[in-house]
Amino acid sequence: MLPAALLALTAVCAAQPAYRSADPEIARLISEMNAGRVARGMEKLGSFGTRDVHSATDSATEGIGAARRWLVEELKGYGPRLEVRTDSYRVKKQGRVQRDLEMVNVVAVLPGTTQKERQVILGAHYDSLSLARDTGPAARPAPGVSDNASGVAAVLEAARVMSRREWKKTLVFILFAGEEQGLFGARLHADSLLKEKTAVDAVLNLDIIGDETAGNGRKMSHLVRLFSAGPDDSPSRSAASRRCASPNRTRTTPISTRPPVVAQASGAPMLGRGKSGYDAELRWSHQPEPDLAGFAVVIRPTTAPFWEHEIFAGNVPRFTLANVSIDDLVIGVKAVSTAGHESPVAAYVAPERADGKIQLAEDVR
């Protein structure tokens, strides 16, 4: 049960915040996406017969090599602003990799303007796999139209439309190889980002997005399923989904700004009980940004999976919820831009206590 003071805020939270109006630029982007192009991309990728990593690399019409070359040329055809390349890795025989072979990621980089050192990645794996066992993997048909030509075609269309515009941050469109062998292409790319200390704000991966009818006939075409790493209040899950104050109304908003910092260097949350000892006193810090409108406080009971209440606090570094116990709720803060775009939520979550080993006196018996 929510505290009475929090219930009193429901009327304030129920109103749609002013910054929640639709962004016309996003509407234009969506209107320019062409479903026919996505469908044709899926058909083209399926026409290569298989995109198994063990398949032919020298054929002009079949196998993963032909598919990869088509992807490179397709991305290059979207204009000179996309910097298209391939990243190759020589992988030894291991697990599902049945011989030493080369795995190649296809990468298209759209450099940012004012924050080009920070990346947002949109990716999908372009390899396929057949579970048949009557022939070797290179010879088995594996058109992989759902898994995952659907995701690849959507990445291509996003690259085509988004490369017509300038963005603050660098956008990276990447098509991974070796996913079916154990996420090889993605893991190798992640290793390179870590080695180069690249700042990555978000990674969105599209996998089997076009399969509306399951093998058992079940259809779920009205849903988009988002999977993200836990725990519930992790930055990854916050970036994956945005929710309004009402749990019955959801919307997705783009990542526009960095989330506030709500923890001290020690990891302790900047959340206290205030001078009275009975309030929820929130503090946060944030780097200056010219289009920052302010911050919104989001609240939910500890038993609820989604944020249920939202209060726009303004462009301030602290906020107090009077007569609200911090033991009853999960509280977070997000930054909001003047265009109404929201950062991921930074939740006030206490780190796990590192208890030392208890020293026992020697047995005196």
Protein backbone atom coordinates (compact mmCIF):
# COMPACT_ATOMS: atom_id res chain seq x y z
CA MET A 1 0.00 0.00 0.00
CA LEU A 2 1.34 3.42 -0.93
CA PRO A 3 1.84 6.03 1.80
CA ALA A 4 -0.94 8.61 2.11
CA ALA A 5 1.42 11.40 1.09
CA LEU A 6 2.26 9.58 -2.13
CA LEU A 7 -1.37 8.87 -2.89
CA ALA A 8 -2.00 12.59 -2.62
CA LEU A 9 0.42 13.10 -5.48
CA THR A 10 -1.54 10.81 -7.80
CA ALA A 11 -3.63 13.66 -9.18
CA VAL A 12 -0.48 15.58 -10.03
CA CYS A 13 1.17 12.57 -11.65
CA ALA A 14 -1.91 11.50 -13.61
CA ALA A 15 -1.79 14.51 -15.91
CA GLN A 16 0.28 14.01 -19.04
CA PRO A 17 3.47 16.07 -18.56
CA ALA A 18 3.97 18.89 -21.05
CA TYR A 19 7.21 17.36 -22.31
CA ARG A 20 5.35 14.21 -23.36
CA SER A 21 4.06 15.69 -26.63
CA ALA A 22 5.01 13.76 -29.75
CA ASP A 23 8.24 14.77 -31.46
CA PRO A 24 7.47 15.67 -35.11
CA GLU A 25 10.99 14.71 -36.18
CA ILE A 26 10.49 11.16 -34.91
CA ALA A 27 7.12 11.02 -36.68
CA ARG A 28 8.86 12.02 -39.93
CA LEU A 29 11.53 9.37 -39.44
CA ILE A 30 8.91 6.68 -38.95
CA SER A 31 6.95 7.85 -41.99
CA GLU A 32 10.06 7.48 -44.14
CA MET A 33 10.62 3.86 -43.16
CA ASN A 34 9.52 1.67 -46.07
CA ALA A 35 8.02 -1.71 -45.17
CA GLY A 36 8.37 -2.83 -48.78
CA ARG A 37 12.13 -2.28 -48.67
CA VAL A 38 12.34 -4.32 -45.46
CA ALA A 39 10.41 -7.17 -47.10
CA ARG A 40 12.62 -7.09 -50.19
CA GLY A 41 15.73 -7.13 -48.02
CA MET A 42 14.46 -10.22 -46.23
CA GLU A 43 13.75 -11.93 -49.55
CA LYS A 44 17.21 -11.06 -50.89
CA LEU A 45 18.99 -12.44 -47.85
CA GLY A 46 16.93 -15.63 -48.03
CA SER A 47 17.90 -16.05 -51.70
CA PHE A 48 21.51 -16.86 -50.77
CA GLY A 49 20.31 -20.29 -49.60
CA THR A 50 22.35 -20.27 -46.43
CA ARG A 51 24.39 -17.79 -44.46
CA ASP A 52 25.99 -20.36 -42.20
CA VAL A 53 29.51 -19.30 -41.20
CA HIS A 54 30.82 -22.57 -42.70
CA SER A 55 29.22 -21.89 -46.09
CA ALA A 56 30.84 -20.64 -49.28
CA THR A 57 32.68 -17.34 -49.25
CA ASP A 58 33.72 -17.29 -52.93
CA SER A 59 30.37 -17.82 -54.67
CA ALA A 60 28.64 -14.84 -56.26
CA THR A 61 25.14 -16.11 -55.50
CA GLU A 62 25.22 -18.49 -52.55
CA GLY A 63 26.57 -18.62 -49.02
CA ILE A 64 27.65 -16.15 -46.38
CA GLY A 65 30.31 -14.52 -48.55
CA ALA A 66 27.82 -13.48 -51.22
CA ALA A 67 25.41 -12.22 -48.55
CA ARG A 68 28.15 -10.21 -46.88
CA ARG A 69 29.23 -8.55 -50.13
CA TRP A 70 25.63 -7.63 -50.90
CA LEU A 71 25.24 -6.06 -47.44
CA VAL A 72 28.39 -3.96 -47.92
CA GLU A 73 27.25 -2.66 -51.31
CA GLU A 74 23.74 -1.99 -50.03
CA LEU A 75 25.05 0.15 -47.17
CA LYS A 76 27.46 2.00 -49.45
CA GLY A 77 24.53 2.82 -51.70
CA TYR A 78 22.88 4.87 -48.95
CA GLY A 79 25.33 7.72 -49.48
CA PRO A 80 28.84 8.91 -48.64
CA ARG A 81 28.07 9.91 -45.05
CA LEU A 82 28.07 6.26 -43.96
CA GLU A 83 31.57 4.91 -43.38
CA VAL A 84 31.25 1.25 -44.37
CA ARG A 85 33.84 -1.39 -43.52
CA THR A 86 34.23 -5.03 -42.58
CA ASP A 87 35.92 -6.30 -39.41
CA SER A 88 37.46 -9.75 -39.80
CA TYR A 89 38.45 -12.20 -37.10
CA ARG A 90 40.22 -15.54 -37.53
CA VAL A 91 38.45 -17.96 -35.20
CA LYS A 92 39.80 -21.38 -34.23
CA LYS A 93 37.74 -24.57 -34.19
CA GLN A 94 35.68 -24.66 -30.99
CA GLY A 95 32.17 -25.52 -29.87
CA ARG A 96 29.82 -25.09 -32.84
CA VAL A 97 32.68 -23.76 -34.95
CA GLN A 98 33.66 -26.96 -36.76
CA ARG A 99 36.89 -25.72 -38.32
CA ASP A 100 39.18 -22.71 -38.28
CA LEU A 101 37.46 -19.96 -40.23
CA GLU A 102 37.08 -16.22 -40.73
CA MET A 103 34.14 -14.40 -39.15
CA VAL A 104 33.37 -11.00 -40.61
CA ASN A 105 31.17 -8.24 -39.17
CA VAL A 106 29.76 -5.58 -41.50
CA VAL A 107 29.93 -2.11 -39.93
CA ALA A 108 28.52 1.24 -41.08
CA VAL A 109 29.42 4.31 -39.00
CA LEU A 110 27.52 7.59 -39.12
CA PRO A 111 29.78 10.09 -37.31
CA GLY A 112 28.14 12.37 -34.78
CA THR A 113 28.46 16.13 -34.57
CA THR A 114 28.88 17.47 -31.03
CA GLN A 115 29.27 14.14 -29.18
CA LYS A 116 30.95 11.99 -31.82
CA GLU A 117 33.04 10.18 -29.21
CA ARG A 118 29.85 8.56 -27.85
CA GLN A 119 28.16 5.74 -29.74
CA VAL A 120 24.65 4.34 -30.06
CA ILE A 121 24.71 0.93 -31.75
CA LEU A 122 21.93 -0.71 -33.76
CA GLY A 123 22.73 -4.27 -34.75
CA ALA A 124 21.51 -7.66 -35.91
CA HIS A 125 23.18 -10.94 -36.80
CA TYR A 126 23.21 -11.86 -40.49
CA ASP A 127 24.36 -15.48 -40.23
CA SER A 128 21.92 -18.38 -40.25
CA LEU A 129 21.87 -22.00 -39.08
CA SER A 130 20.08 -25.20 -40.00
CA LEU A 131 19.42 -27.80 -37.31
CA ALA A 132 19.26 -30.63 -39.88
CA ARG A 133 21.89 -33.30 -39.41
CA ASP A 134 21.83 -35.14 -42.73
CA THR A 135 24.54 -33.01 -44.36
CA GLY A 136 27.39 -30.79 -43.29
CA PRO A 137 26.53 -27.27 -42.13
CA ALA A 138 27.87 -25.64 -45.29
CA ALA A 139 25.48 -27.67 -47.48
CA ARG A 140 22.29 -27.47 -45.40
CA PRO A 141 19.64 -25.01 -46.61
CA ALA A 142 19.34 -22.22 -44.05
CA PRO A 143 17.63 -19.21 -45.66
CA GLY A 144 17.00 -17.69 -42.20
CA VAL A 145 14.35 -15.21 -43.36
CA SER A 146 12.86 -14.80 -39.88
CA ASP A 147 16.08 -15.60 -38.03
CA ASN A 148 17.48 -13.17 -38.79
CA ALA A 149 17.02 -11.56 -42.19
CA SER A 150 14.12 -9.70 -40.56
CA GLY A 151 16.41 -7.94 -38.09
CA VAL A 152 19.09 -7.26 -40.71
CA ALA A 153 16.60 -5.73 -43.15
CA ALA A 154 15.28 -3.44 -40.42
CA VAL A 155 18.82 -2.29 -39.56
CA LEU A 156 19.45 -1.57 -43.25
CA GLU A 157 16.28 0.52 -43.50
CA ALA A 158 17.14 2.42 -40.33
CA ALA A 159 20.62 3.13 -41.72
CA ARG A 160 19.15 4.38 -45.00
CA VAL A 161 16.72 6.79 -43.36
CA MET A 162 18.86 7.96 -40.45
CA SER A 163 21.96 8.59 -42.59
CA ARG A 164 20.09 11.45 -44.26
CA ARG A 165 20.28 13.46 -41.05
CA GLU A 166 22.90 14.63 -38.60
CA TRP A 167 22.96 13.34 -35.02
CA LYS A 168 24.83 14.52 -31.95
CA LYS A 169 26.22 11.08 -31.20
CA THR A 170 27.83 8.60 -33.53
CA LEU A 171 25.43 5.95 -34.80
CA VAL A 172 26.86 2.54 -35.60
CA PHE A 173 24.90 0.07 -37.71
CA ILE A 174 26.49 -3.34 -37.38
CA LEU A 175 25.64 -6.77 -38.80
CA PHE A 176 27.22 -9.56 -36.79
CA ALA A 177 28.51 -12.95 -37.91
CA GLY A 178 28.69 -16.10 -35.81
CA GLU A 179 25.70 -15.42 -33.56
CA GLU A 180 24.45 -18.97 -34.04
CA GLN A 181 27.80 -20.32 -32.84
CA GLY A 182 27.61 -18.40 -29.57
CA LEU A 183 27.46 -14.64 -30.23
CA PHE A 184 30.98 -14.68 -31.68
CA GLY A 185 30.71 -11.55 -33.82
CA ALA A 186 29.03 -9.50 -31.11
CA ARG A 187 31.45 -10.65 -28.42
CA LEU A 188 34.48 -9.90 -30.57
CA HIS A 189 33.15 -6.43 -31.35
CA ALA A 190 32.46 -5.80 -27.67
CA ASP A 191 36.02 -6.83 -26.85
CA SER A 192 37.35 -4.29 -29.37
CA LEU A 193 35.18 -1.52 -27.89
CA LEU A 194 36.45 -2.34 -24.41
CA LYS A 195 40.06 -2.39 -25.59
CA GLU A 196 39.65 0.99 -27.31
CA LYS A 197 37.72 2.40 -24.29
CA THR A 198 34.86 3.47 -26.56
CA ALA A 199 31.94 5.20 -24.84
CA VAL A 200 28.73 3.35 -25.76
CA ASP A 201 25.45 4.83 -24.54
CA ALA A 202 23.12 2.12 -25.82
CA VAL A 203 23.05 -1.07 -27.89
CA LEU A 204 19.81 -2.12 -29.59
CA ASN A 205 19.85 -5.60 -31.10
CA LEU A 206 17.10 -6.78 -33.48
CA ASP A 207 16.47 -10.52 -33.62
CA ILE A 208 13.56 -12.37 -35.27
CA ILE A 209 11.41 -9.27 -35.49
CA GLY A 210 9.35 -10.41 -38.47
CA ASP A 211 7.99 -13.72 -37.17
CA GLU A 212 4.36 -13.00 -36.32
CA THR A 213 3.20 -16.63 -36.51
CA ALA A 214 4.93 -19.25 -34.39
CA GLY A 215 5.36 -22.88 -35.34
CA ASN A 216 2.30 -23.75 -33.27
CA GLY A 217 0.19 -21.18 -35.11
CA ARG A 218 0.21 -18.60 -32.34
CA LYS A 219 0.24 -14.97 -33.51
CA MET A 220 1.44 -12.00 -31.45
CA SER A 221 1.70 -9.29 -34.07
CA HIS A 222 0.40 -6.64 -31.67
CA LEU A 223 3.39 -6.92 -29.33
CA VAL A 224 7.04 -5.91 -29.41
CA ARG A 225 9.03 -7.88 -26.88
CA LEU A 226 12.01 -6.18 -25.27
CA PHE A 227 14.68 -8.27 -23.57
CA SER A 228 17.38 -6.66 -21.49
CA ALA A 229 19.88 -7.54 -18.81
CA GLY A 230 18.75 -7.33 -15.19
CA PRO A 231 18.37 -6.42 -12.46
CA ASP A 232 15.06 -4.56 -12.76
CA ASP A 233 16.63 -1.11 -12.39
CA SER A 234 19.71 -1.70 -14.50
CA PRO A 235 20.69 0.99 -17.04
CA SER A 236 20.10 -1.58 -19.76
CA ARG A 237 16.47 -2.16 -18.81
CA SER A 238 15.88 1.54 -18.37
CA ALA A 239 17.20 2.20 -21.87
CA ALA A 240 15.04 -0.57 -23.31
CA SER A 241 11.72 0.85 -22.26
CA ARG A 242 10.07 4.10 -21.21
CA ARG A 243 6.77 4.13 -19.32
CA CYS A 244 4.34 6.92 -18.49
CA ALA A 245 2.92 7.55 -15.05
CA SER A 246 -0.07 5.36 -15.86
CA PRO A 247 0.82 1.65 -16.04
CA ASN A 248 -1.93 1.24 -18.67
CA ARG A 249 -0.33 3.65 -21.13
CA THR A 250 3.12 3.04 -22.53
CA ARG A 251 5.27 4.88 -24.98
CA THR A 252 8.83 4.71 -26.17
CA THR A 253 11.04 7.80 -26.22
CA PRO A 254 14.55 8.17 -27.59
CA ILE A 255 17.70 8.43 -25.58
CA SER A 256 18.52 12.12 -25.75
CA THR A 257 20.73 12.84 -22.81
CA ARG A 258 22.79 11.10 -20.19
CA PRO A 259 21.06 9.94 -17.03
CA PRO A 260 21.71 11.81 -13.80
CA VAL A 261 24.25 10.49 -11.33
CA VAL A 262 22.44 9.41 -8.18
CA ALA A 263 25.23 7.63 -6.31
CA GLN A 264 28.38 8.75 -4.58
CA ALA A 265 31.79 7.48 -5.66
CA SER A 266 31.47 4.78 -3.01
CA GLY A 267 28.30 3.52 -4.65
CA ALA A 268 26.04 4.73 -1.86
CA PRO A 269 22.83 6.33 -3.21
CA MET A 270 22.33 10.07 -2.67
CA LEU A 271 19.02 9.37 -0.95
CA GLY A 272 18.22 10.24 2.63
CA ARG A 273 15.40 10.85 5.09
CA GLY A 274 15.86 14.63 5.31
CA LYS A 275 16.10 16.72 8.47
CA SER A 276 12.83 15.36 9.80
CA GLY A 277 13.93 11.76 9.41
CA TYR A 278 10.60 10.95 7.75
CA ASP A 279 10.97 12.36 4.24
CA ALA A 280 12.55 11.08 1.03
CA GLU A 281 15.30 13.55 0.15
CA LEU A 282 16.79 13.00 -3.30
CA ARG A 283 20.00 14.50 -4.67
CA TRP A 284 21.66 14.05 -8.06
CA SER A 285 24.29 15.56 -10.33
CA HIS A 286 24.34 16.00 -14.09
CA GLN A 287 26.65 17.41 -16.71
CA PRO A 288 25.42 20.70 -18.24
CA GLU A 289 23.58 20.32 -21.54
CA PRO A 290 22.16 23.21 -23.59
CA ASP A 291 18.84 21.47 -24.30
CA LEU A 292 18.20 20.22 -20.77
CA ALA A 293 14.69 21.09 -19.54
CA GLY A 294 15.00 19.48 -16.14
CA PHE A 295 14.48 16.25 -14.25
CA ALA A 296 11.56 13.97 -13.54
CA VAL A 297 11.26 11.83 -10.40
CA VAL A 298 9.69 8.41 -10.95
CA ILE A 299 8.28 6.22 -8.20
CA ARG A 300 6.90 2.74 -7.72
CA PRO A 301 6.23 0.40 -4.80
CA THR A 302 8.91 -2.19 -4.13
CA THR A 303 6.42 -4.85 -5.25
CA ALA A 304 5.66 -3.24 -8.65
CA PRO A 305 7.60 -4.01 -11.85
CA PHE A 306 7.03 -0.65 -13.56
CA TRP A 307 7.22 3.01 -12.61
CA GLU A 308 3.73 4.10 -11.53
CA HIS A 309 4.13 7.79 -10.62
CA GLU A 310 6.06 10.65 -12.15
CA ILE A 311 6.73 14.19 -10.97
CA PHE A 312 8.57 16.83 -12.99
CA ALA A 313 10.95 18.44 -10.50
CA GLY A 314 12.38 21.11 -12.82
CA ASN A 315 16.01 21.93 -13.52
CA VAL A 316 17.15 21.42 -9.94
CA PRO A 317 19.73 19.15 -8.26
CA ARG A 318 17.50 17.91 -5.43
CA PHE A 319 13.89 17.12 -4.57
CA THR A 320 12.06 16.16 -1.39
CA LEU A 321 9.00 13.95 -1.03
CA ALA A 322 7.51 14.97 2.32
CA ASN A 323 6.37 12.22 4.67
CA VAL A 324 7.41 9.47 2.25
CA SER A 325 9.42 6.55 3.58
CA ILE A 326 12.32 5.46 1.40
CA ASP A 327 11.84 1.92 2.71
CA ASP A 328 8.46 1.52 0.97
CA LEU A 329 9.39 2.62 -2.53
CA VAL A 330 11.83 2.45 -5.39
CA ILE A 331 12.67 5.97 -6.59
CA GLY A 332 14.55 7.13 -9.67
CA VAL A 333 15.38 10.27 -11.64
CA LYS A 334 15.66 10.89 -15.37
CA ALA A 335 16.78 13.89 -17.39
CA VAL A 336 14.37 15.47 -19.88
CA SER A 337 15.35 17.60 -22.87
CA THR A 338 13.49 20.64 -24.19
CA ALA A 339 12.22 18.46 -27.05
CA GLY A 340 10.69 16.05 -24.55
CA HIS A 341 13.26 13.28 -24.97
CA GLU A 342 14.16 11.33 -21.84
CA SER A 343 17.30 9.72 -20.55
CA PRO A 344 17.30 6.27 -18.97
CA VAL A 345 16.15 6.30 -15.36
CA ALA A 346 18.84 6.33 -12.72
CA ALA A 347 17.38 4.46 -9.75
CA TYR A 348 18.39 4.90 -6.13
CA VAL A 349 19.55 1.37 -5.40
CA ALA A 350 21.81 0.57 -2.47
CA PRO A 351 24.81 -1.62 -3.32
CA GLU A 352 25.07 -5.02 -1.73
CA ARG A 353 26.71 -4.83 1.66
CA ALA A 354 30.15 -6.40 1.68
CA ASP A 355 30.28 -8.07 5.05
CA GLY A 356 33.71 -9.11 6.25
CA LYS A 357 34.45 -12.43 7.80
CA ILE A 358 33.59 -12.63 11.49
CA GLN A 359 36.64 -13.42 13.58
CA LEU A 360 35.96 -16.02 16.26
CA ALA A 361 37.97 -16.39 19.47
CA GLU A 362 39.92 -19.60 19.85
CA ASP A 363 38.14 -22.45 21.56
CA VAL A 364 39.14 -22.23 25.22
CA ARG A 365 37.90 -25.66 26.17
